[in-house]
C-alpha atoms as a PDB file:
ATOM      1  CA  MET A   1     -10.989  -6.600  26.531  1.00  0.00           C
ATOM      2  CA  GLN A   2     -13.140  -6.445  23.401  1.00  0.00           C
ATOM      3  CA  HIS A   3     -11.471  -3.275  22.201  1.00  0.00           C
ATOM      4  CA  PHE A   4      -8.071  -5.029  22.392  1.00  0.00           C
ATOM      5  CA  VAL A   5      -9.491  -7.832  20.256  1.00  0.00           C
ATOM      6  CA  ASN A   6     -10.570  -5.187  17.762  1.00  0.00           C
ATOM      7  CA  ASP A   7      -7.077  -3.642  17.891  1.00  0.00           C
ATOM      8  CA  VAL A   8      -5.602  -7.020  16.999  1.00  0.00           C
ATOM      9  CA  ILE A   9      -8.087  -7.580  14.169  1.00  0.00           C
ATOM     10  CA  LEU A  10      -7.365  -4.168  12.633  1.00  0.00           C
ATOM     11  CA  GLY A  11      -3.623  -4.763  13.018  1.00  0.00           C
ATOM     12  CA  ILE A  12      -3.990  -8.072  11.175  1.00  0.00           C
ATOM     13  CA  VAL A  13      -6.051  -6.443   8.416  1.00  0.00           C
ATOM     14  CA  GLU A  14      -3.483  -3.657   7.940  1.00  0.00           C
ATOM     15  CA  GLY A  15      -0.478  -5.967   7.997  1.00  0.00           C
ATOM     16  CA  LEU A  16      -2.105  -8.465   5.662  1.00  0.00           C
ATOM     17  CA  THR A  17      -3.375  -6.009   3.064  1.00  0.00           C
ATOM     18  CA  GLU A  18      -0.816  -3.167   3.000  1.00  0.00           C
ATOM     19  CA  PHE A  19       1.370  -4.870   0.397  1.00  0.00           C
ATOM     20  CA  LEU A  20      -1.212  -7.031  -1.368  1.00  0.00           C
ATOM     21  CA  PRO A  21      -2.983  -5.602  -4.454  1.00  0.00           C
ATOM     22  CA  VAL A  22      -6.319  -5.382  -2.624  1.00  0.00           C
ATOM     23  CA  SER A  23      -6.174  -1.914  -0.945  1.00  0.00           C
ATOM     24  CA  SER A  24      -5.413  -1.795   2.774  1.00  0.00           C
ATOM     25  CA  THR A  25      -7.369   1.452   3.200  1.00  0.00           C
ATOM     26  CA  ALA A  26     -10.526  -0.137   1.825  1.00  0.00           C
ATOM     27  CA  HIS A  27     -10.152  -3.161   4.070  1.00  0.00           C
ATOM     28  CA  LEU A  28      -9.520  -1.095   7.194  1.00  0.00           C
ATOM     29  CA  LEU A  29     -12.646   0.975   6.579  1.00  0.00           C
ATOM     30  CA  ILE A  30     -14.707  -2.153   5.892  1.00  0.00           C
ATOM     31  CA  ALA A  31     -13.333  -3.911   8.982  1.00  0.00           C
ATOM     32  CA  GLN A  32     -14.116  -0.931  11.206  1.00  0.00           C
ATOM     33  CA  ASP A  33     -17.653  -0.820   9.846  1.00  0.00           C
ATOM     34  CA  LEU A  34     -18.220  -4.550  10.314  1.00  0.00           C
ATOM     35  CA  LEU A  35     -16.843  -4.439  13.854  1.00  0.00           C
ATOM     36  CA  GLY A  36     -18.792  -1.295  14.676  1.00  0.00           C
ATOM     37  CA  PHE A  37     -15.533  -0.065  16.130  1.00  0.00           C
ATOM     38  CA  GLN A  38     -13.994   3.388  16.116  1.00  0.00           C
ATOM     39  CA  PRO A  39     -10.230   2.980  16.646  1.00  0.00           C
ATOM     40  CA  PRO A  40      -8.984   4.643  19.837  1.00  0.00           C
ATOM     41  CA  GLY A  41      -6.764   7.670  19.377  1.00  0.00           C
ATOM     42  CA  ASP A  42      -6.751   9.841  16.302  1.00  0.00           C
ATOM     43  CA  VAL A  43      -3.405   8.427  15.172  1.00  0.00           C
ATOM     44  CA  PHE A  44      -4.304   4.730  15.418  1.00  0.00           C
ATOM     45  CA  PRO A  45      -4.693   4.044  11.654  1.00  0.00           C
ATOM     46  CA  ILE A  46      -1.565   6.078  10.885  1.00  0.00           C
ATOM     47  CA  VAL A  47       0.646   4.352  13.445  1.00  0.00           C
ATOM     48  CA  ILE A  48      -0.381   0.785  12.564  1.00  0.00           C
ATOM     49  CA  GLN A  49       0.359   1.627   8.926  1.00  0.00           C
ATOM     50  CA  LEU A  50       3.829   2.669  10.037  1.00  0.00           C
ATOM     51  CA  GLY A  51       4.206  -0.760  11.636  1.00  0.00           C
ATOM     52  CA  ALA A  52       3.564  -2.409   8.275  1.00  0.00           C
ATOM     53  CA  ILE A  53       6.067  -0.108   6.582  1.00  0.00           C
ATOM     54  CA  LEU A  54       8.805  -0.970   9.063  1.00  0.00           C
ATOM     55  CA  SER A  55       8.435  -4.642   8.136  1.00  0.00           C
ATOM     56  CA  VAL A  56       9.979  -3.806   4.751  1.00  0.00           C
ATOM     57  CA  VAL A  57      12.928  -2.181   6.478  1.00  0.00           C
ATOM     58  CA  ALA A  58      13.309  -5.260   8.690  1.00  0.00           C
ATOM     59  CA  VAL A  59      13.303  -7.680   5.748  1.00  0.00           C
ATOM     60  CA  TYR A  60      15.496  -5.641   3.389  1.00  0.00           C
ATOM     61  CA  TRP A  61      17.676  -3.833   5.918  1.00  0.00           C
ATOM     62  CA  ARG A  62      20.875  -5.222   4.378  1.00  0.00           C
ATOM     63  CA  ARG A  63      19.966  -3.731   1.004  1.00  0.00           C
ATOM     64  CA  PHE A  64      19.110  -0.335   2.492  1.00  0.00           C
ATOM     65  CA  TRP A  65      22.211  -0.335   4.679  1.00  0.00           C
ATOM     66  CA  THR A  66      24.497  -1.271   1.782  1.00  0.00           C
ATOM     67  CA  VAL A  67      23.113   1.542  -0.350  1.00  0.00           C
ATOM     68  CA  LEU A  68      23.473   3.995   2.509  1.00  0.00           C
ATOM     69  CA  VAL A  69      27.115   3.218   3.324  1.00  0.00           C
ATOM     70  CA  THR A  70      28.205   3.014  -0.341  1.00  0.00           C
ATOM     71  CA  LEU A  71      26.208   5.962  -1.649  1.00  0.00           C
ATOM     72  CA  THR A  72      29.277   8.097  -2.253  1.00  0.00           C
ATOM     73  CA  SER A  73      31.443   5.310  -3.645  1.00  0.00           C
ATOM     74  CA  SER A  74      29.108   3.153  -5.744  1.00  0.00           C
ATOM     75  CA  ALA A  75      27.396   4.242  -8.965  1.00  0.00           C
ATOM     76  CA  ASP A  76      24.929   1.360  -8.590  1.00  0.00           C
ATOM     77  CA  SER A  77      23.930   2.548  -5.117  1.00  0.00           C
ATOM     78  CA  ARG A  78      23.436   6.112  -6.336  1.00  0.00           C
ATOM     79  CA  LYS A  79      21.320   4.891  -9.257  1.00  0.00           C
ATOM     80  CA  PHE A  80      19.216   2.740  -6.940  1.00  0.00           C
ATOM     81  CA  ALA A  81      18.615   5.616  -4.525  1.00  0.00           C
ATOM     82  CA  LEU A  82      17.856   8.033  -7.363  1.00  0.00           C
ATOM     83  CA  GLY A  83      15.396   5.571  -8.886  1.00  0.00           C
ATOM     84  CA  VAL A  84      13.470   5.287  -5.609  1.00  0.00           C
ATOM     85  CA  VAL A  85      13.432   9.081  -5.191  1.00  0.00           C
ATOM     86  CA  ILE A  86      12.247   9.631  -8.771  1.00  0.00           C
ATOM     87  CA  ALA A  87       9.472   7.075  -8.300  1.00  0.00           C
ATOM     88  CA  PHE A  88       8.457   8.645  -4.985  1.00  0.00           C
ATOM     89  CA  LEU A  89       8.100  12.236  -6.201  1.00  0.00           C
ATOM     90  CA  PRO A  90       4.880  11.954  -8.297  1.00  0.00           C
ATOM     91  CA  ALA A  91       2.857  10.529  -5.385  1.00  0.00           C
ATOM     92  CA  ALA A  92       4.376  13.087  -3.010  1.00  0.00           C
ATOM     93  CA  ILE A  93       3.432  15.995  -5.284  1.00  0.00           C
ATOM     94  CA  PHE A  94      -0.061  14.822  -6.188  1.00  0.00           C
ATOM     95  CA  GLY A  95      -0.786  13.562  -2.667  1.00  0.00           C
ATOM     96  CA  ALA A  96       0.118  16.901  -1.085  1.00  0.00           C
ATOM     97  CA  ALA A  97      -1.769  18.901  -3.704  1.00  0.00           C
ATOM     98  CA  LEU A  98      -4.937  16.798  -3.461  1.00  0.00           C
ATOM     99  CA  HIS A  99      -4.851  15.997   0.259  1.00  0.00           C
ATOM    100  CA  GLY A 100      -7.900  18.084   1.100  1.00  0.00           C
ATOM    101  CA  PHE A 101      -9.971  16.675  -1.767  1.00  0.00           C
ATOM    102  CA  ILE A 102      -8.989  13.115  -0.912  1.00  0.00           C
ATOM    103  CA  LYS A 103      -9.865  13.414   2.780  1.00  0.00           C
ATOM    104  CA  ASN A 104     -12.962  15.585   2.478  1.00  0.00           C
ATOM    105  CA  VAL A 105     -14.546  14.197  -0.691  1.00  0.00           C
ATOM    106  CA  LEU A 106     -13.282  10.719  -1.598  1.00  0.00           C
ATOM    107  CA  PHE A 107     -13.248   9.606   2.052  1.00  0.00           C
ATOM    108  CA  ALA A 108     -16.542  11.256   2.964  1.00  0.00           C
ATOM    109  CA  PRO A 109     -18.752   8.652   4.723  1.00  0.00           C
ATOM    110  CA  ALA A 110     -21.526   9.016   2.149  1.00  0.00           C
ATOM    111  CA  ILE A 111     -19.189   8.541  -0.818  1.00  0.00           C
ATOM    112  CA  ALA A 112     -16.313   6.319   0.307  1.00  0.00           C
ATOM    113  CA  PRO A 113     -18.178   2.959   0.286  1.00  0.00           C
ATOM    114  CA  VAL A 114     -19.385   3.490  -3.290  1.00  0.00           C
ATOM    115  CA  VAL A 115     -15.945   4.640  -4.443  1.00  0.00           C
ATOM    116  CA  ILE A 116     -14.268   1.678  -2.759  1.00  0.00           C
ATOM    117  CA  ALA A 117     -16.712  -0.887  -4.163  1.00  0.00           C
ATOM    118  CA  THR A 118     -16.323   0.544  -7.658  1.00  0.00           C
ATOM    119  CA  THR A 119     -12.533   0.697  -7.581  1.00  0.00           C
ATOM    120  CA  LEU A 120     -12.269  -2.812  -6.136  1.00  0.00           C
ATOM    121  CA  ILE A 121     -14.333  -4.236  -8.984  1.00  0.00           C
ATOM    122  CA  VAL A 122     -12.705  -2.166 -11.715  1.00  0.00           C
ATOM    123  CA  GLY A 123      -9.265  -2.945 -10.304  1.00  0.00           C
ATOM    124  CA  GLY A 124     -10.038  -6.648 -10.257  1.00  0.00           C
ATOM    125  CA  ILE A 125     -11.154  -6.590 -13.887  1.00  0.00           C
ATOM    126  CA  VAL A 126      -8.050  -4.621 -14.854  1.00  0.00           C
ATOM    127  CA  ILE A 127      -5.826  -7.197 -13.136  1.00  0.00           C
ATOM    128  CA  LEU A 128      -7.460 -10.065 -15.032  1.00  0.00           C
ATOM    129  CA  ILE A 129      -7.125  -8.223 -18.358  1.00  0.00           C
ATOM    130  CA  PHE A 130      -3.590  -6.938 -17.828  1.00  0.00           C
ATOM    131  CA  GLU A 131      -2.329 -10.352 -16.767  1.00  0.00           C
ATOM    132  CA  ARG A 132      -3.237 -11.514 -20.283  1.00  0.00           C
ATOM    133  CA  LEU A 133      -2.119  -8.449 -22.243  1.00  0.00           C
ATOM    134  CA  ALA A 134       1.106  -7.472 -20.485  1.00  0.00           C
ATOM    135  CA  PRO A 135       4.121  -7.664 -22.836  1.00  0.00           C
ATOM    136  CA  PRO A 136       6.966 -10.109 -22.144  1.00  0.00           C
ATOM    137  CA  PRO A 137       9.167  -8.681 -19.368  1.00  0.00           C
ATOM    138  CA  ARG A 138      12.415  -6.976 -20.355  1.00  0.00           C
ATOM    139  CA  TYR A 139      13.518  -5.914 -16.876  1.00  0.00           C
ATOM    140  CA  VAL A 140      13.795  -8.688 -14.301  1.00  0.00           C
ATOM    141  CA  ASP A 141      15.943  -7.123 -11.567  1.00  0.00           C
ATOM    142  CA  GLY A 142      14.062  -4.896  -9.133  1.00  0.00           C
ATOM    143  CA  ASP A 143      17.373  -3.594  -7.780  1.00  0.00           C
ATOM    144  CA  LYS A 144      18.506  -2.256 -11.147  1.00  0.00           C
ATOM    145  CA  LEU A 145      15.546  -0.730 -12.944  1.00  0.00           C
ATOM    146  CA  PRO A 146      16.280   2.034 -15.473  1.00  0.00           C
ATOM    147  CA  LEU A 147      15.383   5.477 -14.136  1.00  0.00           C
ATOM    148  CA  ALA A 148      12.712   5.969 -16.795  1.00  0.00           C
ATOM    149  CA  ARG A 149      10.968   2.764 -15.715  1.00  0.00           C
ATOM    150  CA  ALA A 150      11.212   3.812 -12.070  1.00  0.00           C
ATOM    151  CA  PHE A 151       9.583   7.138 -12.930  1.00  0.00           C
ATOM    152  CA  TRP A 152       6.662   5.491 -14.713  1.00  0.00           C
ATOM    153  CA  ILE A 153       6.108   3.096 -11.830  1.00  0.00           C
ATOM    154  CA  GLY A 154       5.954   6.190  -9.627  1.00  0.00           C
ATOM    155  CA  MET A 155       3.352   7.706 -11.939  1.00  0.00           C
ATOM    156  CA  PHE A 156       1.223   4.574 -11.692  1.00  0.00           C
ATOM    157  CA  GLN A 157       1.495   4.802  -7.917  1.00  0.00           C
ATOM    158  CA  VAL A 158      -0.358   8.140  -8.054  1.00  0.00           C
ATOM    159  CA  LEU A 159      -3.544   6.206  -8.858  1.00  0.00           C
ATOM    160  CA  ALA A 160      -3.476   4.836  -5.309  1.00  0.00           C
ATOM    161  CA  ILE A 161      -4.642   8.175  -3.894  1.00  0.00           C
ATOM    162  CA  ILE A 162      -8.125   7.001  -4.913  1.00  0.00           C
ATOM    163  CA  PRO A 163      -9.718   4.864  -2.150  1.00  0.00           C
ATOM    164  CA  GLY A 164      -9.803   1.208  -3.124  1.00  0.00           C
ATOM    165  CA  VAL A 165      -6.980   1.480  -5.657  1.00  0.00           C
ATOM    166  CA  SER A 166      -4.129  -0.622  -4.344  1.00  0.00           C
ATOM    167  CA  ARG A 167      -0.701   1.010  -4.323  1.00  0.00           C
ATOM    168  CA  SER A 168       1.077  -2.298  -4.895  1.00  0.00           C
ATOM    169  CA  GLY A 169      -1.446  -3.351  -7.536  1.00  0.00           C
ATOM    170  CA  ALA A 170      -1.036  -0.094  -9.450  1.00  0.00           C
ATOM    171  CA  THR A 171       2.769  -0.224  -9.388  1.00  0.00           C
ATOM    172  CA  ILE A 172       3.131  -3.925 -10.208  1.00  0.00           C
ATOM    173  CA  LEU A 173       0.583  -3.818 -13.045  1.00  0.00           C
ATOM    174  CA  GLY A 174       1.979  -0.536 -14.324  1.00  0.00           C
ATOM    175  CA  GLY A 175       5.428  -2.065 -14.260  1.00  0.00           C
ATOM    176  CA  GLU A 176       4.223  -5.073 -16.245  1.00  0.00           C
ATOM    177  CA  LEU A 177       2.818  -2.766 -18.916  1.00  0.00           C
ATOM    178  CA  ILE A 178       6.231  -1.148 -19.403  1.00  0.00           C
ATOM    179  CA  GLY A 179       8.113  -4.438 -19.480  1.00  0.00           C
ATOM    180  CA  VAL A 180       9.025  -4.948 -15.809  1.00  0.00           C
ATOM    181  CA  ASP A 181       8.704  -8.508 -14.535  1.00  0.00           C
ATOM    182  CA  ARG A 182       6.006  -8.719 -11.840  1.00  0.00           C
ATOM    183  CA  ARG A 183       8.472 -10.074  -9.271  1.00  0.00           C
ATOM    184  CA  ALA A 184      10.912  -7.264 -10.015  1.00  0.00           C
ATOM    185  CA  GLY A 185       8.022  -4.806  -9.848  1.00  0.00           C
ATOM    186  CA  ALA A 186       6.913  -6.210  -6.494  1.00  0.00           C
ATOM    187  CA  LEU A 187      10.432  -5.907  -5.097  1.00  0.00           C
ATOM    188  CA  PHE A 188      10.739  -2.305  -6.281  1.00  0.00           C
ATOM    189  CA  THR A 189       7.272  -1.643  -4.836  1.00  0.00           C
ATOM    190  CA  PHE A 190       8.534  -2.748  -1.427  1.00  0.00           C
ATOM    191  CA  TYR A 191      11.483  -0.369  -1.689  1.00  0.00           C
ATOM    192  CA  LEU A 192       9.225   2.442  -2.855  1.00  0.00           C
ATOM    193  CA  ALA A 193       6.800   1.821   0.012  1.00  0.00           C
ATOM    194  CA  VAL A 194       9.305   3.038   2.586  1.00  0.00           C
ATOM    195  CA  PRO A 195       9.631   6.708   1.516  1.00  0.00           C
ATOM    196  CA  THR A 196       6.085   6.844   0.136  1.00  0.00           C
ATOM    197  CA  MET A 197       4.241   5.528   3.163  1.00  0.00           C
ATOM    198  CA  PHE A 198       6.615   7.104   5.686  1.00  0.00           C
ATOM    199  CA  GLY A 199       6.176  10.443   3.915  1.00  0.00           C
ATOM    200  CA  ALA A 200       2.391  10.021   3.873  1.00  0.00           C
ATOM    201  CA  THR A 201       2.420   9.156   7.574  1.00  0.00           C
ATOM    202  CA  VAL A 202       4.478  12.198   8.535  1.00  0.00           C
ATOM    203  CA  PHE A 203       2.357  14.450   6.303  1.00  0.00           C
ATOM    204  CA  ASP A 204      -0.869  13.109   7.812  1.00  0.00           C
ATOM    205  CA  LEU A 205       0.441  13.553  11.334  1.00  0.00           C
ATOM    206  CA  TRP A 206       1.439  17.128  10.549  1.00  0.00           C
ATOM    207  CA  LYS A 207      -1.908  17.965   8.967  1.00  0.00           C
ATOM    208  CA  ASN A 208      -3.717  16.582  12.026  1.00  0.00           C
ATOM    209  CA  ARG A 209      -1.282  17.895  14.629  1.00  0.00           C
ATOM    210  CA  GLN A 210      -3.948  20.027  16.312  1.00  0.00           C
ATOM    211  CA  VAL A 211      -6.194  17.056  17.089  1.00  0.00           C
ATOM    212  CA  LEU A 212      -3.696  14.262  17.737  1.00  0.00           C
ATOM    213  CA  ASN A 213      -4.598  12.058  20.640  1.00  0.00           C
ATOM    214  CA  PHE A 214      -2.181   9.525  22.090  1.00  0.00           C
ATOM    215  CA  ASP A 215      -4.333   8.770  25.145  1.00  0.00           C
ATOM    216  CA  ALA A 216      -4.978   5.186  24.048  1.00  0.00           C
ATOM    217  CA  GLY A 217      -1.277   4.329  23.917  1.00  0.00           C
ATOM    218  CA  LEU A 218      -1.688   0.620  24.731  1.00  0.00           C
ATOM    219  CA  ASP A 219      -4.310   0.134  22.022  1.00  0.00           C
ATOM    220  CA  ILE A 220      -2.077   1.864  19.494  1.00  0.00           C
ATOM    221  CA  ALA A 221       0.916  -0.234  20.543  1.00  0.00           C
ATOM    222  CA  VAL A 222      -1.058  -3.477  20.126  1.00  0.00           C
ATOM    223  CA  GLY A 223      -2.183  -2.515  16.620  1.00  0.00           C
ATOM    224  CA  PHE A 224       1.344  -1.416  15.685  1.00  0.00           C
ATOM    225  CA  VAL A 225       3.024  -4.646  16.802  1.00  0.00           C
ATOM    226  CA  VAL A 226       0.412  -6.908  15.218  1.00  0.00           C
ATOM    227  CA  SER A 227       0.549  -4.967  11.951  1.00  0.00           C
ATOM    228  CA  PHE A 228       4.357  -5.214  11.898  1.00  0.00           C
ATOM    229  CA  LEU A 229       4.417  -8.963  12.560  1.00  0.00           C
ATOM    230  CA  VAL A 230       1.734  -9.846  10.023  1.00  0.00           C
ATOM    231  CA  ALA A 231       3.249  -7.587   7.340  1.00  0.00           C
ATOM    232  CA  LEU A 232       6.618  -9.242   7.997  1.00  0.00           C
ATOM    233  CA  VAL A 233       5.165 -12.562   6.847  1.00  0.00           C
ATOM    234  CA  VAL A 234       3.524 -10.971   3.804  1.00  0.00           C
ATOM    235  CA  VAL A 235       6.700  -9.194   2.688  1.00  0.00           C
ATOM    236  CA  ARG A 236       8.714 -12.414   3.021  1.00  0.00           C
ATOM    237  CA  THR A 237       6.264 -14.518   0.984  1.00  0.00           C
ATOM    238  CA  PHE A 238       4.511 -12.216  -1.502  1.00  0.00           C
ATOM    239  CA  ILE A 239       7.116 -12.218  -4.287  1.00  0.00           C
ATOM    240  CA  ALA A 240       7.323 -16.019  -4.321  1.00  0.00           C
ATOM    241  CA  PHE A 241       3.510 -16.219  -4.329  1.00  0.00           C
ATOM    242  CA  ILE A 242       2.980 -13.974  -7.349  1.00  0.00           C
ATOM    243  CA  GLY A 243       5.893 -15.622  -9.121  1.00  0.00           C
ATOM    244  CA  ARG A 244       3.966 -18.888  -8.915  1.00  0.00           C
ATOM    245  CA  PHE A 245       0.327 -17.797  -9.141  1.00  0.00           C
ATOM    246  CA  GLY A 246       0.427 -14.298 -10.666  1.00  0.00           C
ATOM    247  CA  LEU A 247      -2.050 -11.609  -9.675  1.00  0.00           C
ATOM    248  CA  LYS A 248      -5.235 -13.319 -10.893  1.00  0.00           C
ATOM    249  CA  PRO A 249      -6.296 -14.597  -7.438  1.00  0.00           C
ATOM    250  CA  PHE A 250      -6.269 -11.010  -6.211  1.00  0.00           C
ATOM    251  CA  GLY A 251      -8.259  -9.898  -9.255  1.00  0.00           C
ATOM    252  CA  TRP A 252     -11.051 -12.370  -8.521  1.00  0.00           C
ATOM    253  CA  TYR A 253     -10.950 -11.493  -4.832  1.00  0.00           C
ATOM    254  CA  ARG A 254     -11.303  -7.774  -5.553  1.00  0.00           C
ATOM    255  CA  ILE A 255     -14.346  -8.368  -7.747  1.00  0.00           C
ATOM    256  CA  ALA A 256     -15.986 -10.557  -5.105  1.00  0.00           C
ATOM    257  CA  ALA A 257     -15.230  -8.029  -2.344  1.00  0.00           C
ATOM    258  CA  GLY A 258     -16.575  -5.130  -4.398  1.00  0.00           C
ATOM    259  CA  LEU A 259     -19.789  -6.986  -5.217  1.00  0.00           C
ATOM    260  CA  GLY A 260     -20.145  -7.894  -1.553  1.00  0.00           C
ATOM    261  CA  ILE A 261     -19.918  -4.240  -0.529  1.00  0.00           C
ATOM    262  CA  ILE A 262     -22.518  -3.272  -3.145  1.00  0.00           C
ATOM    263  CA  ALA A 263     -24.842  -6.008  -1.854  1.00  0.00           C
ATOM    264  CA  VAL A 264     -24.519  -4.693   1.702  1.00  0.00           C
ATOM    265  CA  LEU A 265     -25.157  -1.109   0.558  1.00  0.00           C
ATOM    266  CA  VAL A 266     -28.286  -2.165  -1.321  1.00  0.00           C
ATOM    267  CA  LEU A 267     -29.665  -4.250   1.540  1.00  0.00           C
ATOM    268  CA  ARG A 268     -29.137  -1.591   4.211  1.00  0.00           C
END
């Protein structure tokens, strides 16, 4: 029974943090360490991440469907789709090229906690600074971003290959720096998450195809469903939250979390 409780906890952590600017990867690794729990099945972390991704499809399915059925007849739909593809390509290229380095070096057990603590703190400081220095927004519609702005948001997303660097934090802050309203940036980040995270999931499954283990199917299903349901709530509420409170609460949280990890590392 305890391992199912752990499945639920990890599903909650993934669903809660995947789209917040706090780094879901960092939180999953920390949660596993605190629980003293090794997730069952080699694909567990990958599949529960897919659950979080599908929440975006569930919330914005009308938008995706409209673009799909009008792709050949609507210039706006073609521009939207092209913008998402352009933003997706940098992370796809860099992620594939650096996959071995990321997995074997940055995620090495001896290095990952230090990297995560450092990036959490630095990212928190950057959020607090950028929230003050970001220029007034010029682009306020996440559905109609210019292609050049979409490309630069995609370039900022590349930073998220470093453990502890939040994908949503990098894209929203990067968008603010180039004049994209944070709510528009968050909306575009949700759209961009679908090809980015689905592509990363498929790539990771392919790279690990020789050692995949689906034996713990029930555990994986529990984590997947919980991740999907929790992420559904986050996706529905996040844009309104940052529209009211900005990103500063996440900046302070990241600093506190990073300092907490450093304290644990020192005391061990």
